């Protein structure tokens, strides 16, 4: 049951952050400052402040982790293009890249978990439903945590 709930949420978040990382349209990551969402969830100023702090803290980590992913991706590409690279070196570099991606995904998940801790499970569920029900156009302007 938990997997059925968490997996769609993670996919929405990963899509939002992937678009940001790929240079796409910047998505609104501080959804709690949107008056419509804030009112619907009845967020307090204290909760908004805590979410702001979480975004800054997590954002710093994600910037660092994204740069590590890019570095590992570059190194893998260089190995693949080098005639003298052996399969073992390429496989080892691929594992480094996957570990970097995993660390970034884990930080995104931690952001979600902390968001849920701040707003509570019921409002977290409401938020998920809100974003799932947005028309595709609306999703370009708002992103789930």
C-alpha atoms as a PDB file:
ATOM      1  CA  UNK A   1       0.000   0.000   0.000  1.00  0.00           C
ATOM      2  CA  UNK A   2       2.781   2.426   0.913  1.00  0.00           C
ATOM      3  CA  UNK A   3       4.572   1.655  -2.362  1.00  0.00           C
ATOM      4  CA  UNK A   4       1.407   2.531  -4.300  1.00  0.00           C
ATOM      5  CA  UNK A   5       1.345   5.936  -2.632  1.00  0.00           C
ATOM      6  CA  UNK A   6       5.037   6.779  -2.625  1.00  0.00           C
ATOM      7  CA  UNK A   7       5.937   5.705  -6.165  1.00  0.00           C
ATOM      8  CA  UNK A   8       3.594   8.175  -7.970  1.00  0.00           C
ATOM      9  CA  UNK A   9       4.744  10.966  -5.664  1.00  0.00           C
ATOM     10  CA  UNK A  10       8.393  10.216  -6.326  1.00  0.00           C
ATOM     11  CA  UNK A  11       7.781  10.065 -10.068  1.00  0.00           C
ATOM     12  CA  UNK A  12       6.115  13.483 -10.028  1.00  0.00           C
ATOM     13  CA  UNK A  13       8.987  14.965  -8.071  1.00  0.00           C
ATOM     14  CA  UNK A  14      11.653  13.334 -10.171  1.00  0.00           C
ATOM     15  CA  UNK A  15       9.971  14.656 -13.313  1.00  0.00           C
ATOM     16  CA  UNK A  16       9.922  18.156 -11.875  1.00  0.00           C
ATOM     17  CA  UNK A  17      13.559  18.085 -10.794  1.00  0.00           C
ATOM     18  CA  UNK A  18      14.682  16.405 -14.012  1.00  0.00           C
ATOM     19  CA  UNK A  19      13.126  19.219 -16.016  1.00  0.00           C
ATOM     20  CA  UNK A  20      15.044  21.708 -13.868  1.00  0.00           C
ATOM     21  CA  UNK A  21      18.301  19.810 -14.181  1.00  0.00           C
ATOM     22  CA  UNK A  22      17.968  19.568 -17.952  1.00  0.00           C
ATOM     23  CA  UNK A  23      17.635  23.304 -18.334  1.00  0.00           C
ATOM     24  CA  UNK A  24      13.916  23.260 -19.009  1.00  0.00           C
ATOM     25  CA  UNK A  25      11.467  25.836 -17.791  1.00  0.00           C
ATOM     26  CA  UNK A  26      12.117  26.592 -14.141  1.00  0.00           C
ATOM     27  CA  UNK A  27       9.374  25.090 -12.057  1.00  0.00           C
ATOM     28  CA  UNK A  28       7.979  26.689  -8.973  1.00  0.00           C
ATOM     29  CA  UNK A  29       9.562  24.703  -6.182  1.00  0.00           C
ATOM     30  CA  UNK A  30       8.179  26.734  -3.318  1.00  0.00           C
ATOM     31  CA  UNK A  31       4.581  25.656  -3.873  1.00  0.00           C
ATOM     32  CA  UNK A  32       3.737  26.514  -0.248  1.00  0.00           C
ATOM     33  CA  UNK A  33       4.007  30.210  -1.141  1.00  0.00           C
ATOM     34  CA  UNK A  34       1.257  29.843  -3.763  1.00  0.00           C
ATOM     35  CA  UNK A  35      -1.810  31.505  -2.158  1.00  0.00           C
ATOM     36  CA  UNK A  36      -4.207  28.918  -3.614  1.00  0.00           C
ATOM     37  CA  UNK A  37      -2.280  25.924  -2.301  1.00  0.00           C
ATOM     38  CA  UNK A  38      -1.448  27.588   0.999  1.00  0.00           C
ATOM     39  CA  UNK A  39      -5.101  28.362   1.607  1.00  0.00           C
ATOM     40  CA  UNK A  40      -6.281  24.904   0.553  1.00  0.00           C
ATOM     41  CA  UNK A  41      -3.821  23.253   2.939  1.00  0.00           C
ATOM     42  CA  UNK A  42      -4.296  25.863   5.665  1.00  0.00           C
ATOM     43  CA  UNK A  43      -0.534  26.311   6.060  1.00  0.00           C
ATOM     44  CA  UNK A  44       0.708  28.416   8.954  1.00  0.00           C
ATOM     45  CA  UNK A  45       3.486  30.976   8.586  1.00  0.00           C
ATOM     46  CA  UNK A  46       5.663  28.764  10.778  1.00  0.00           C
ATOM     47  CA  UNK A  47       5.168  25.821   8.404  1.00  0.00           C
ATOM     48  CA  UNK A  48       5.951  28.007   5.391  1.00  0.00           C
ATOM     49  CA  UNK A  49       9.125  29.228   7.098  1.00  0.00           C
ATOM     50  CA  UNK A  50      10.196  25.672   7.910  1.00  0.00           C
ATOM     51  CA  UNK A  51       9.559  24.661   4.284  1.00  0.00           C
ATOM     52  CA  UNK A  52      11.620  27.646   3.093  1.00  0.00           C
ATOM     53  CA  UNK A  53      14.497  26.530   5.327  1.00  0.00           C
ATOM     54  CA  UNK A  54      14.163  22.947   4.132  1.00  0.00           C
ATOM     55  CA  UNK A  55      14.265  24.070   0.498  1.00  0.00           C
ATOM     56  CA  UNK A  56      17.458  26.048   1.067  1.00  0.00           C
ATOM     57  CA  UNK A  57      19.157  23.235   2.965  1.00  0.00           C
ATOM     58  CA  UNK A  58      18.085  20.536   0.536  1.00  0.00           C
ATOM     59  CA  UNK A  59      18.701  22.761  -2.479  1.00  0.00           C
ATOM     60  CA  UNK A  60      22.328  23.230  -1.514  1.00  0.00           C
ATOM     61  CA  UNK A  61      22.779  19.474  -1.211  1.00  0.00           C
ATOM     62  CA  UNK A  62      21.046  18.831  -4.524  1.00  0.00           C
ATOM     63  CA  UNK A  63      23.211  21.367  -6.357  1.00  0.00           C
ATOM     64  CA  UNK A  64      26.298  19.552  -5.109  1.00  0.00           C
ATOM     65  CA  UNK A  65      24.857  16.124  -5.930  1.00  0.00           C
ATOM     66  CA  UNK A  66      23.805  17.243  -9.431  1.00  0.00           C
ATOM     67  CA  UNK A  67      27.334  18.429 -10.116  1.00  0.00           C
ATOM     68  CA  UNK A  68      28.684  15.043  -9.011  1.00  0.00           C
ATOM     69  CA  UNK A  69      26.225  13.284 -11.359  1.00  0.00           C
ATOM     70  CA  UNK A  70      27.381  15.501 -14.230  1.00  0.00           C
ATOM     71  CA  UNK A  71      31.049  14.833 -13.434  1.00  0.00           C
ATOM     72  CA  UNK A  72      30.494  11.075 -13.340  1.00  0.00           C
ATOM     73  CA  UNK A  73      28.470  11.236 -16.569  1.00  0.00           C
ATOM     74  CA  UNK A  74      31.316  13.148 -18.229  1.00  0.00           C
ATOM     75  CA  UNK A  75      33.884  10.612 -17.028  1.00  0.00           C
ATOM     76  CA  UNK A  76      31.797   7.736 -18.364  1.00  0.00           C
ATOM     77  CA  UNK A  77      31.434   9.461 -21.708  1.00  0.00           C
ATOM     78  CA  UNK A  78      35.200  10.016 -21.886  1.00  0.00           C
ATOM     79  CA  UNK A  79      35.857   6.345 -21.157  1.00  0.00           C
ATOM     80  CA  UNK A  80      33.347   5.209 -23.763  1.00  0.00           C
ATOM     81  CA  UNK A  81      34.999   7.388 -26.407  1.00  0.00           C
ATOM     82  CA  UNK A  82      38.534   6.275 -25.515  1.00  0.00           C
ATOM     83  CA  UNK A  83      39.738   3.307 -27.590  1.00  0.00           C
ATOM     84  CA  UNK A  84      42.023   2.081 -24.839  1.00  0.00           C
ATOM     85  CA  UNK A  85      39.318   1.954 -22.124  1.00  0.00           C
ATOM     86  CA  UNK A  86      38.564  -1.552 -20.991  1.00  0.00           C
ATOM     87  CA  UNK A  87      35.208  -2.986 -20.029  1.00  0.00           C
ATOM     88  CA  UNK A  88      36.133  -3.100 -16.352  1.00  0.00           C
ATOM     89  CA  UNK A  89      36.945   0.637 -16.240  1.00  0.00           C
ATOM     90  CA  UNK A  90      33.743   1.507 -18.067  1.00  0.00           C
ATOM     91  CA  UNK A  91      31.655  -0.699 -15.782  1.00  0.00           C
ATOM     92  CA  UNK A  92      33.307   0.782 -12.694  1.00  0.00           C
ATOM     93  CA  UNK A  93      32.611   4.317 -13.896  1.00  0.00           C
ATOM     94  CA  UNK A  94      29.018   3.405 -14.679  1.00  0.00           C
ATOM     95  CA  UNK A  95      28.629   2.196 -11.086  1.00  0.00           C
ATOM     96  CA  UNK A  96      29.997   5.530  -9.848  1.00  0.00           C
ATOM     97  CA  UNK A  97      27.443   7.339 -11.999  1.00  0.00           C
ATOM     98  CA  UNK A  98      24.606   5.179 -10.704  1.00  0.00           C
ATOM     99  CA  UNK A  99      25.732   5.759  -7.108  1.00  0.00           C
ATOM    100  CA  UNK A 100      25.737   9.523  -7.728  1.00  0.00           C
ATOM    101  CA  UNK A 101      22.255   9.335  -9.258  1.00  0.00           C
ATOM    102  CA  UNK A 102      21.083   7.272  -6.317  1.00  0.00           C
ATOM    103  CA  UNK A 103      22.431   9.827  -3.839  1.00  0.00           C
ATOM    104  CA  UNK A 104      20.577  12.602  -5.683  1.00  0.00           C
ATOM    105  CA  UNK A 105      17.352  10.579  -5.733  1.00  0.00           C
ATOM    106  CA  UNK A 106      17.776   9.882  -2.022  1.00  0.00           C
ATOM    107  CA  UNK A 107      18.112  13.605  -1.269  1.00  0.00           C
ATOM    108  CA  UNK A 108      14.913  14.259  -3.230  1.00  0.00           C
ATOM    109  CA  UNK A 109      13.177  11.570  -1.194  1.00  0.00           C
ATOM    110  CA  UNK A 110      14.485  13.078   2.042  1.00  0.00           C
ATOM    111  CA  UNK A 111      13.025  16.421   0.962  1.00  0.00           C
ATOM    112  CA  UNK A 112       9.657  14.695   0.530  1.00  0.00           C
ATOM    113  CA  UNK A 113       9.886  12.938   3.866  1.00  0.00           C
ATOM    114  CA  UNK A 114      10.750  16.186   5.650  1.00  0.00           C
ATOM    115  CA  UNK A 115       7.952  18.004   3.817  1.00  0.00           C
ATOM    116  CA  UNK A 116       5.531  15.337   4.980  1.00  0.00           C
ATOM    117  CA  UNK A 117       6.852  15.685   8.533  1.00  0.00           C
ATOM    118  CA  UNK A 118       6.265  19.447   8.451  1.00  0.00           C
ATOM    119  CA  UNK A 119       2.748  19.471   6.993  1.00  0.00           C
ATOM    120  CA  UNK A 120       1.515  16.101   8.254  1.00  0.00           C
ATOM    121  CA  UNK A 121       0.356  13.042   6.384  1.00  0.00           C
ATOM    122  CA  UNK A 122      -3.220  14.186   5.724  1.00  0.00           C
ATOM    123  CA  UNK A 123      -2.241  17.491   4.132  1.00  0.00           C
ATOM    124  CA  UNK A 124       0.570  15.714   2.292  1.00  0.00           C
ATOM    125  CA  UNK A 125      -2.066  13.429   0.761  1.00  0.00           C
ATOM    126  CA  UNK A 126      -4.185  16.464  -0.145  1.00  0.00           C
ATOM    127  CA  UNK A 127      -1.168  18.042  -1.797  1.00  0.00           C
ATOM    128  CA  UNK A 128      -0.483  14.921  -3.828  1.00  0.00           C
ATOM    129  CA  UNK A 129      -4.094  14.829  -4.998  1.00  0.00           C
ATOM    130  CA  UNK A 130      -3.937  18.537  -5.855  1.00  0.00           C
ATOM    131  CA  UNK A 131      -0.911  18.046  -8.114  1.00  0.00           C
ATOM    132  CA  UNK A 132      -2.230  14.838  -9.652  1.00  0.00           C
ATOM    133  CA  UNK A 133      -5.419  16.673 -10.643  1.00  0.00           C
ATOM    134  CA  UNK A 134      -3.685  19.648 -12.253  1.00  0.00           C
ATOM    135  CA  UNK A 135      -4.105  19.768 -16.001  1.00  0.00           C
ATOM    136  CA  UNK A 136      -0.845  19.138 -17.849  1.00  0.00           C
ATOM    137  CA  UNK A 137      -0.526  22.883 -18.602  1.00  0.00           C
ATOM    138  CA  UNK A 138      -0.782  23.707 -14.894  1.00  0.00           C
ATOM    139  CA  UNK A 139       2.016  21.289 -14.049  1.00  0.00           C
ATOM    140  CA  UNK A 140       4.465  23.426 -15.988  1.00  0.00           C
ATOM    141  CA  UNK A 141       3.954  26.279 -13.575  1.00  0.00           C
ATOM    142  CA  UNK A 142       3.737  24.349 -10.324  1.00  0.00           C
ATOM    143  CA  UNK A 143       5.734  21.426  -9.130  1.00  0.00           C
ATOM    144  CA  UNK A 144       5.223  19.019  -6.315  1.00  0.00           C
ATOM    145  CA  UNK A 145       7.804  19.498  -3.583  1.00  0.00           C
END
